[in-house]
PDB file of N, CA and C in Angstrom:
ATOM      1  N   MET A   1      74.093 -20.198  -2.725  1.00  0.00           N
ATOM      2  CA  MET A   1      72.513 -19.973  -3.541  1.00  0.00           C
ATOM      3  C   MET A   1      72.079 -21.666  -2.803  1.00  0.00           C
ATOM      4  N   ASN A   2      71.257 -21.669  -2.214  1.00  0.00           N
ATOM      5  CA  ASN A   2      70.869 -22.562  -1.790  1.00  0.00           C
ATOM      6  C   ASN A   2      70.009 -22.821  -2.017  1.00  0.00           C
ATOM      7  N   HIS A   3      69.413 -24.129  -2.498  1.00  0.00           N
ATOM      8  CA  HIS A   3      68.144 -25.122  -2.918  1.00  0.00           C
ATOM      9  C   HIS A   3      67.681 -25.850  -1.781  1.00  0.00           C
ATOM     10  N   GLN A   4      66.080 -25.494  -1.741  1.00  0.00           N
ATOM     11  CA  GLN A   4      65.578 -26.455  -1.017  1.00  0.00           C
ATOM     12  C   GLN A   4      64.367 -26.948  -1.802  1.00  0.00           C
ATOM     13  N   ILE A   5      64.173 -27.877  -0.789  1.00  0.00           N
ATOM     14  CA  ILE A   5      63.936 -29.233  -2.045  1.00  0.00           C
ATOM     15  C   ILE A   5      62.422 -28.642  -0.978  1.00  0.00           C
ATOM     16  N   ILE A   6      60.999 -28.807  -1.738  1.00  0.00           N
ATOM     17  CA  ILE A   6      60.396 -28.910  -1.212  1.00  0.00           C
ATOM     18  C   ILE A   6      59.260 -29.854  -1.538  1.00  0.00           C
ATOM     19  N   VAL A   7      58.361 -30.439  -0.056  1.00  0.00           N
ATOM     20  CA  VAL A   7      58.159 -32.258   0.273  1.00  0.00           C
ATOM     21  C   VAL A   7      56.673 -31.447  -0.135  1.00  0.00           C
ATOM     22  N   ASP A   8      55.474 -31.901  -0.498  1.00  0.00           N
ATOM     23  CA  ASP A   8      53.734 -31.650  -0.887  1.00  0.00           C
ATOM     24  C   ASP A   8      53.484 -32.029   1.211  1.00  0.00           C
ATOM     25  N   SER A   9      54.128 -32.258   1.904  1.00  0.00           N
ATOM     26  CA  SER A   9      54.474 -33.261   3.492  1.00  0.00           C
ATOM     27  C   SER A   9      54.749 -32.018   4.034  1.00  0.00           C
ATOM     28  N   THR A  10      54.561 -30.322   3.586  1.00  0.00           N
ATOM     29  CA  THR A  10      54.003 -29.361   4.282  1.00  0.00           C
ATOM     30  C   THR A  10      53.208 -28.956   5.131  1.00  0.00           C
ATOM     31  N   PRO A  11      53.674 -28.655   6.828  1.00  0.00           N
ATOM     32  CA  PRO A  11      51.963 -29.067   7.141  1.00  0.00           C
ATOM     33  C   PRO A  11      51.674 -27.286   6.540  1.00  0.00           C
ATOM     34  N   HIS A  12      49.958 -27.845   6.214  1.00  0.00           N
ATOM     35  CA  HIS A  12      49.049 -26.762   6.259  1.00  0.00           C
ATOM     36  C   HIS A  12      48.497 -25.868   6.968  1.00  0.00           C
ATOM     37  N   LEU A  13      48.289 -24.511   6.352  1.00  0.00           N
ATOM     38  CA  LEU A  13      48.181 -24.104   6.953  1.00  0.00           C
ATOM     39  C   LEU A  13      46.840 -23.635   7.597  1.00  0.00           C
ATOM     40  N   SER A  14      45.821 -22.975   8.720  1.00  0.00           N
ATOM     41  CA  SER A  14      44.686 -23.294   9.017  1.00  0.00           C
ATOM     42  C   SER A  14      43.936 -21.568   8.366  1.00  0.00           C
ATOM     43  N   ALA A  15      42.916 -21.324   8.968  1.00  0.00           N
ATOM     44  CA  ALA A  15      43.010 -20.509   8.550  1.00  0.00           C
ATOM     45  C   ALA A  15      42.811 -18.537   9.527  1.00  0.00           C
ATOM     46  N   GLU A  16      42.659 -19.652  10.545  1.00  0.00           N
ATOM     47  CA  GLU A  16      43.598 -18.629  11.598  1.00  0.00           C
ATOM     48  C   GLU A  16      44.860 -17.826  11.164  1.00  0.00           C
ATOM     49  N   ASP A  17      46.039 -19.139  11.020  1.00  0.00           N
ATOM     50  CA  ASP A  17      47.247 -18.631  10.353  1.00  0.00           C
ATOM     51  C   ASP A  17      47.111 -17.848   9.598  1.00  0.00           C
ATOM     52  N   PHE A  18      46.514 -17.953   8.382  1.00  0.00           N
ATOM     53  CA  PHE A  18      46.707 -17.261   6.509  1.00  0.00           C
ATOM     54  C   PHE A  18      45.016 -16.328   7.288  1.00  0.00           C
ATOM     55  N   ALA A  19      44.744 -16.037   8.880  1.00  0.00           N
ATOM     56  CA  ALA A  19      44.825 -14.380   8.412  1.00  0.00           C
ATOM     57  C   ALA A  19      45.374 -13.625   9.165  1.00  0.00           C
ATOM     58  N   ALA A  20      46.376 -14.209  10.251  1.00  0.00           N
ATOM     59  CA  ALA A  20      47.453 -13.987  10.436  1.00  0.00           C
ATOM     60  C   ALA A  20      48.022 -13.192   9.522  1.00  0.00           C
ATOM     61  N   LEU A  21      48.898 -13.973   8.764  1.00  0.00           N
ATOM     62  CA  LEU A  21      49.132 -13.408   8.017  1.00  0.00           C
ATOM     63  C   LEU A  21      49.110 -11.987   7.446  1.00  0.00           C
ATOM     64  N   ARG A  22      48.032 -12.359   6.964  1.00  0.00           N
ATOM     65  CA  ARG A  22      46.951 -11.107   6.006  1.00  0.00           C
ATOM     66  C   ARG A  22      46.950 -10.142   6.740  1.00  0.00           C
ATOM     67  N   GLU A  23      46.859 -10.137   7.962  1.00  0.00           N
ATOM     68  CA  GLU A  23      47.301  -8.821   9.176  1.00  0.00           C
ATOM     69  C   GLU A  23      48.867  -8.368   9.264  1.00  0.00           C
ATOM     70  N   ASN A  24      49.550  -9.446   9.024  1.00  0.00           N
ATOM     71  CA  ASN A  24      50.765  -8.799   9.192  1.00  0.00           C
ATOM     72  C   ASN A  24      51.275  -8.564   7.761  1.00  0.00           C
ATOM     73  N   LEU A  25      51.534  -8.786   6.549  1.00  0.00           N
ATOM     74  CA  LEU A  25      51.243  -8.392   5.983  1.00  0.00           C
ATOM     75  C   LEU A  25      50.670  -6.566   5.158  1.00  0.00           C
ATOM     76  N   HIS A  26      49.747  -6.728   5.668  1.00  0.00           N
ATOM     77  CA  HIS A  26      48.898  -5.470   4.972  1.00  0.00           C
ATOM     78  C   HIS A  26      49.490  -4.786   6.642  1.00  0.00           C
ATOM     79  N   GLU A  27      50.187  -4.710   7.477  1.00  0.00           N
ATOM     80  CA  GLU A  27      50.620  -3.431   8.796  1.00  0.00           C
ATOM     81  C   GLU A  27      52.103  -3.691   7.865  1.00  0.00           C
ATOM     82  N   GLN A  28      52.879  -4.462   7.566  1.00  0.00           N
ATOM     83  CA  GLN A  28      54.314  -4.226   5.873  1.00  0.00           C
ATOM     84  C   GLN A  28      53.779  -3.173   5.083  1.00  0.00           C
ATOM     85  N   ARG A  29      52.351  -3.424   4.045  1.00  0.00           N
ATOM     86  CA  ARG A  29      52.581  -1.820   3.556  1.00  0.00           C
ATOM     87  C   ARG A  29      52.202  -1.044   3.946  1.00  0.00           C
ATOM     88  N   LEU A  30      51.534  -1.080   4.685  1.00  0.00           N
ATOM     89  CA  LEU A  30      51.158   0.894   5.572  1.00  0.00           C
ATOM     90  C   LEU A  30      52.717   1.283   5.945  1.00  0.00           C
ATOM     91  N   PHE A  31      53.732   0.213   6.357  1.00  0.00           N
ATOM     92  CA  PHE A  31      54.870   0.630   7.550  1.00  0.00           C
ATOM     93  C   PHE A  31      56.041   1.187   6.177  1.00  0.00           C
ATOM     94  N   ARG A  32      56.038   0.206   4.995  1.00  0.00           N
ATOM     95  CA  ARG A  32      56.407   0.649   3.633  1.00  0.00           C
ATOM     96  C   ARG A  32      55.792   1.580   2.897  1.00  0.00           C
ATOM     97  N   GLN A  33      54.862   1.706   2.546  1.00  0.00           N
ATOM     98  CA  GLN A  33      54.365   3.364   2.487  1.00  0.00           C
ATOM     99  C   GLN A  33      54.467   4.457   2.628  1.00  0.00           C
ATOM    100  N   GLU A  34      54.402   4.080   4.629  1.00  0.00           N
ATOM    101  CA  GLU A  34      54.580   6.084   4.512  1.00  0.00           C
ATOM    102  C   GLU A  34      56.166   5.456   4.662  1.00  0.00           C
ATOM    103  N   GLN A  35      56.914   4.886   4.681  1.00  0.00           N
ATOM    104  CA  GLN A  35      58.477   5.197   4.246  1.00  0.00           C
ATOM    105  C   GLN A  35      58.212   6.066   2.722  1.00  0.00           C
ATOM    106  N   LEU A  36      58.132   5.268   2.111  1.00  0.00           N
ATOM    107  CA  LEU A  36      57.535   5.337   0.342  1.00  0.00           C
ATOM    108  C   LEU A  36      57.968   7.438   0.920  1.00  0.00           C
ATOM    109  N   ARG A  37      56.217   7.688   1.275  1.00  0.00           N
ATOM    110  CA  ARG A  37      56.095   9.043   1.088  1.00  0.00           C
ATOM    111  C   ARG A  37      57.061   9.766   2.484  1.00  0.00           C
ATOM    112  N   GLN A  38      57.371   9.112   3.169  1.00  0.00           N
ATOM    113  CA  GLN A  38      59.120   9.859   3.957  1.00  0.00           C
ATOM    114  C   GLN A  38      60.127  10.092   2.943  1.00  0.00           C
ATOM    115  N   LEU A  39      60.564   9.839   2.233  1.00  0.00           N
ATOM    116  CA  LEU A  39      61.543   9.140   1.424  1.00  0.00           C
ATOM    117  C   LEU A  39      61.260  10.253   0.379  1.00  0.00           C
ATOM    118  N   ALA A  40      59.865  10.319  -0.031  1.00  0.00           N
ATOM    119  CA  ALA A  40      59.222  10.799  -1.810  1.00  0.00           C
ATOM    120  C   ALA A  40      59.318  12.034  -1.442  1.00  0.00           C
ATOM    121  N   GLY A  41      59.619  13.173  -0.212  1.00  0.00           N
ATOM    122  CA  GLY A  41      59.409  14.402   0.403  1.00  0.00           C
ATOM    123  C   GLY A  41      60.557  15.186   0.089  1.00  0.00           C
ATOM    124  N   PRO A  42      61.669  14.588   0.612  1.00  0.00           N
ATOM    125  CA  PRO A  42      63.015  15.673  -0.095  1.00  0.00           C
ATOM    126  C   PRO A  42      63.003  15.206  -1.933  1.00  0.00           C
ATOM    127  N   VAL A  43      62.847  13.947  -1.996  1.00  0.00           N
ATOM    128  CA  VAL A  43      63.003  14.027  -3.278  1.00  0.00           C
ATOM    129  C   VAL A  43      62.084  15.067  -3.897  1.00  0.00           C
ATOM    130  N   ALA A  44      61.167  14.999  -3.587  1.00  0.00           N
ATOM    131  CA  ALA A  44      60.537  16.174  -4.028  1.00  0.00           C
ATOM    132  C   ALA A  44      60.197  17.521  -4.235  1.00  0.00           C
ATOM    133  N   LEU A  45      61.370  18.181  -3.186  1.00  0.00           N
ATOM    134  CA  LEU A  45      62.022  18.924  -2.706  1.00  0.00           C
ATOM    135  C   LEU A  45      62.552  19.431  -2.956  1.00  0.00           C
ATOM    136  N   ARG A  46      64.199  18.019  -3.767  1.00  0.00           N
ATOM    137  CA  ARG A  46      64.793  19.211  -3.935  1.00  0.00           C
ATOM    138  C   ARG A  46      64.541  18.971  -5.764  1.00  0.00           C
ATOM    139  N   ILE A  47      64.057  18.342  -6.374  1.00  0.00           N
ATOM    140  CA  ILE A  47      63.411  18.451  -7.231  1.00  0.00           C
ATOM    141  C   ILE A  47      62.396  20.109  -8.237  1.00  0.00           C
ATOM    142  N   GLU A  48      61.964  19.807  -6.375  1.00  0.00           N
ATOM    143  CA  GLU A  48      61.488  22.352  -6.923  1.00  0.00           C
ATOM    144  C   GLU A  48      62.795  22.761  -6.910  1.00  0.00           C
ATOM    145  N   ASP A  49      63.685  22.760  -6.272  1.00  0.00           N
ATOM    146  CA  ASP A  49      64.932  23.354  -5.736  1.00  0.00           C
ATOM    147  C   ASP A  49      65.356  23.429  -7.866  1.00  0.00           C
ATOM    148  N   ARG A  50      65.799  22.252  -8.162  1.00  0.00           N
ATOM    149  CA  ARG A  50      66.096  22.072  -9.405  1.00  0.00           C
ATOM    150  C   ARG A  50      65.419  22.466 -10.505  1.00  0.00           C
ATOM    151  N   LEU A  51      64.328  22.353 -10.282  1.00  0.00           N
ATOM    152  CA  LEU A  51      63.255  23.543 -11.361  1.00  0.00           C
ATOM    153  C   LEU A  51      63.926  25.058 -10.913  1.00  0.00           C
ATOM    154  N   GLN A  52      63.603  25.759  -9.816  1.00  0.00           N
ATOM    155  CA  GLN A  52      63.656  26.629  -9.316  1.00  0.00           C
ATOM    156  C   GLN A  52      65.484  27.426  -9.955  1.00  0.00           C
ATOM    157  N   GLN A  53      65.908  25.882  -9.605  1.00  0.00           N
ATOM    158  CA  GLN A  53      67.485  26.629 -10.406  1.00  0.00           C
ATOM    159  C   GLN A  53      67.325  27.033 -11.374  1.00  0.00           C
ATOM    160  N   GLN A  54      66.617  25.869 -12.870  1.00  0.00           N
ATOM    161  CA  GLN A  54      66.633  25.991 -13.920  1.00  0.00           C
ATOM    162  C   GLN A  54      66.090  27.414 -14.356  1.00  0.00           C
ATOM    163  N   ASP A  55      65.336  27.507 -13.402  1.00  0.00           N
ATOM    164  CA  ASP A  55      64.446  28.781 -13.577  1.00  0.00           C
ATOM    165  C   ASP A  55      65.415  31.014 -13.912  1.00  0.00           C
ATOM    166  N   ALA A  56      65.421  30.165 -12.728  1.00  0.00           N
ATOM    167  CA  ALA A  56      66.454  31.756 -12.179  1.00  0.00           C
ATOM    168  C   ALA A  56      67.720  31.969 -13.143  1.00  0.00           C
ATOM    169  N   ALA A  57      67.929  30.451 -14.499  1.00  0.00           N
ATOM    170  CA  ALA A  57      69.286  30.680 -14.676  1.00  0.00           C
ATOM    171  C   ALA A  57      69.253  30.515 -15.593  1.00  0.00           C
ATOM    172  N   ARG A  58      67.636  30.945 -15.868  1.00  0.00           N
ATOM    173  CA  ARG A  58      66.913  30.873 -17.482  1.00  0.00           C
ATOM    174  C   ARG A  58      66.791  32.455 -17.488  1.00  0.00           C
ATOM    175  N   GLU A  59      66.337  32.633 -16.597  1.00  0.00           N
ATOM    176  CA  GLU A  59      66.070  34.499 -16.424  1.00  0.00           C
ATOM    177  C   GLU A  59      67.427  35.481 -16.708  1.00  0.00           C
ATOM    178  N   GLY A  60      68.623  34.490 -15.601  1.00  0.00           N
ATOM    179  CA  GLY A  60      69.960  34.969 -16.021  1.00  0.00           C
ATOM    180  C   GLY A  60      70.407  35.095 -17.229  1.00  0.00           C
ATOM    181  N   ARG A  61      69.463  33.808 -18.298  1.00  0.00           N
ATOM    182  CA  ARG A  61      70.810  33.973 -19.346  1.00  0.00           C
ATOM    183  C   ARG A  61      70.120  35.323 -20.243  1.00  0.00           C
ATOM    184  N   GLY A  62      68.278  35.203 -20.175  1.00  0.00           N
ATOM    185  CA  GLY A  62      67.559  35.639 -21.568  1.00  0.00           C
ATOM    186  C   GLY A  62      67.743  37.350 -20.277  1.00  0.00           C
ATOM    187  N   GLY A  63      68.320  37.602 -19.260  1.00  0.00           N
ATOM    188  CA  GLY A  63      68.680  39.248 -18.851  1.00  0.00           C
ATOM    189  C   GLY A  63      70.558  39.710 -20.132  1.00  0.00           C
ATOM    190  N   PHE A  64      70.574  38.412 -19.300  1.00  0.00           N
ATOM    191  CA  PHE A  64      72.348  38.700 -20.240  1.00  0.00           C
ATOM    192  C   PHE A  64      72.542  39.101 -22.089  1.00  0.00           C
ATOM    193  N   LEU A  65      70.986  38.262 -22.272  1.00  0.00           N
ATOM    194  CA  LEU A  65      71.347  38.707 -23.731  1.00  0.00           C
ATOM    195  C   LEU A  65      70.559  39.514 -24.023  1.00  0.00           C
ATOM    196  N   ALA A  66      69.005  39.651 -23.531  1.00  0.00           N
ATOM    197  CA  ALA A  66      68.275  41.099 -23.296  1.00  0.00           C
ATOM    198  C   ALA A  66      69.261  42.026 -22.932  1.00  0.00           C
ATOM    199  N   ASP A  67      70.867  42.002 -22.487  1.00  0.00           N
ATOM    200  CA  ASP A  67      72.015  43.256 -22.182  1.00  0.00           C
ATOM    201  C   ASP A  67      72.363  43.656 -23.511  1.00  0.00           C
ATOM    202  N   SER A  68      73.280  42.244 -23.926  1.00  0.00           N
ATOM    203  CA  SER A  68      73.843  42.157 -25.212  1.00  0.00           C
ATOM    204  C   SER A  68      73.121  43.025 -26.707  1.00  0.00           C
ATOM    205  N   ASP A  69      71.203  41.522 -26.345  1.00  0.00           N
ATOM    206  CA  ASP A  69      71.092  43.045 -27.824  1.00  0.00           C
ATOM    207  C   ASP A  69      70.900  44.351 -27.621  1.00  0.00           C
ATOM    208  N   GLU A  70      71.054  44.462 -26.794  1.00  0.00           N
ATOM    209  CA  GLU A  70      70.273  46.304 -26.723  1.00  0.00           C
ATOM    210  C   GLU A  70      71.898  46.695 -26.639  1.00  0.00           C
ATOM    211  N   ALA A  71      73.447  46.069 -26.571  1.00  0.00           N
ATOM    212  CA  ALA A  71      74.527  46.630 -26.592  1.00  0.00           C
ATOM    213  C   ALA A  71      75.278  46.469 -27.935  1.00  0.00           C
ATOM    214  N   ARG A  72      74.417  46.361 -28.833  1.00  0.00           N
ATOM    215  CA  ARG A  72      74.586  45.694 -30.487  1.00  0.00           C
ATOM    216  C   ARG A  72      74.047  46.649 -30.899  1.00  0.00           C
ATOM    217  N   VAL A  73      72.655  47.433 -30.161  1.00  0.00           N
ATOM    218  CA  VAL A  73      71.887  47.896 -30.999  1.00  0.00           C
ATOM    219  C   VAL A  73      72.712  49.195 -31.173  1.00  0.00           C
ATOM    220  N   ARG A  74      72.326  49.449 -29.119  1.00  0.00           N
ATOM    221  CA  ARG A  74      73.186  51.151 -29.783  1.00  0.00           C
ATOM    222  C   ARG A  74      74.647  51.106 -30.965  1.00  0.00           C
ATOM    223  N   GLU A  75      75.218  50.140 -31.267  1.00  0.00           N
ATOM    224  CA  GLU A  75      76.394  50.437 -31.683  1.00  0.00           C
ATOM    225  C   GLU A  75      76.357  51.036 -32.723  1.00  0.00           C
TER     226      GLU A  75
END
């Protein structure tokens, strides 16, 4: 672990330095937001696929149970 001692003798930043830092942070933020959008796309698709599979499984079980109930009624 690095322990740094920060002394008050650090140089003060100018208005131009702050403007450059702000612009850089803004660009980084836009980049990260785009990354999140790209990552969320496949996740959203996987969630949708999973929900469709669950619905299909429920429909399959529902049909199976209905067939079983019909068979019992006929007996």
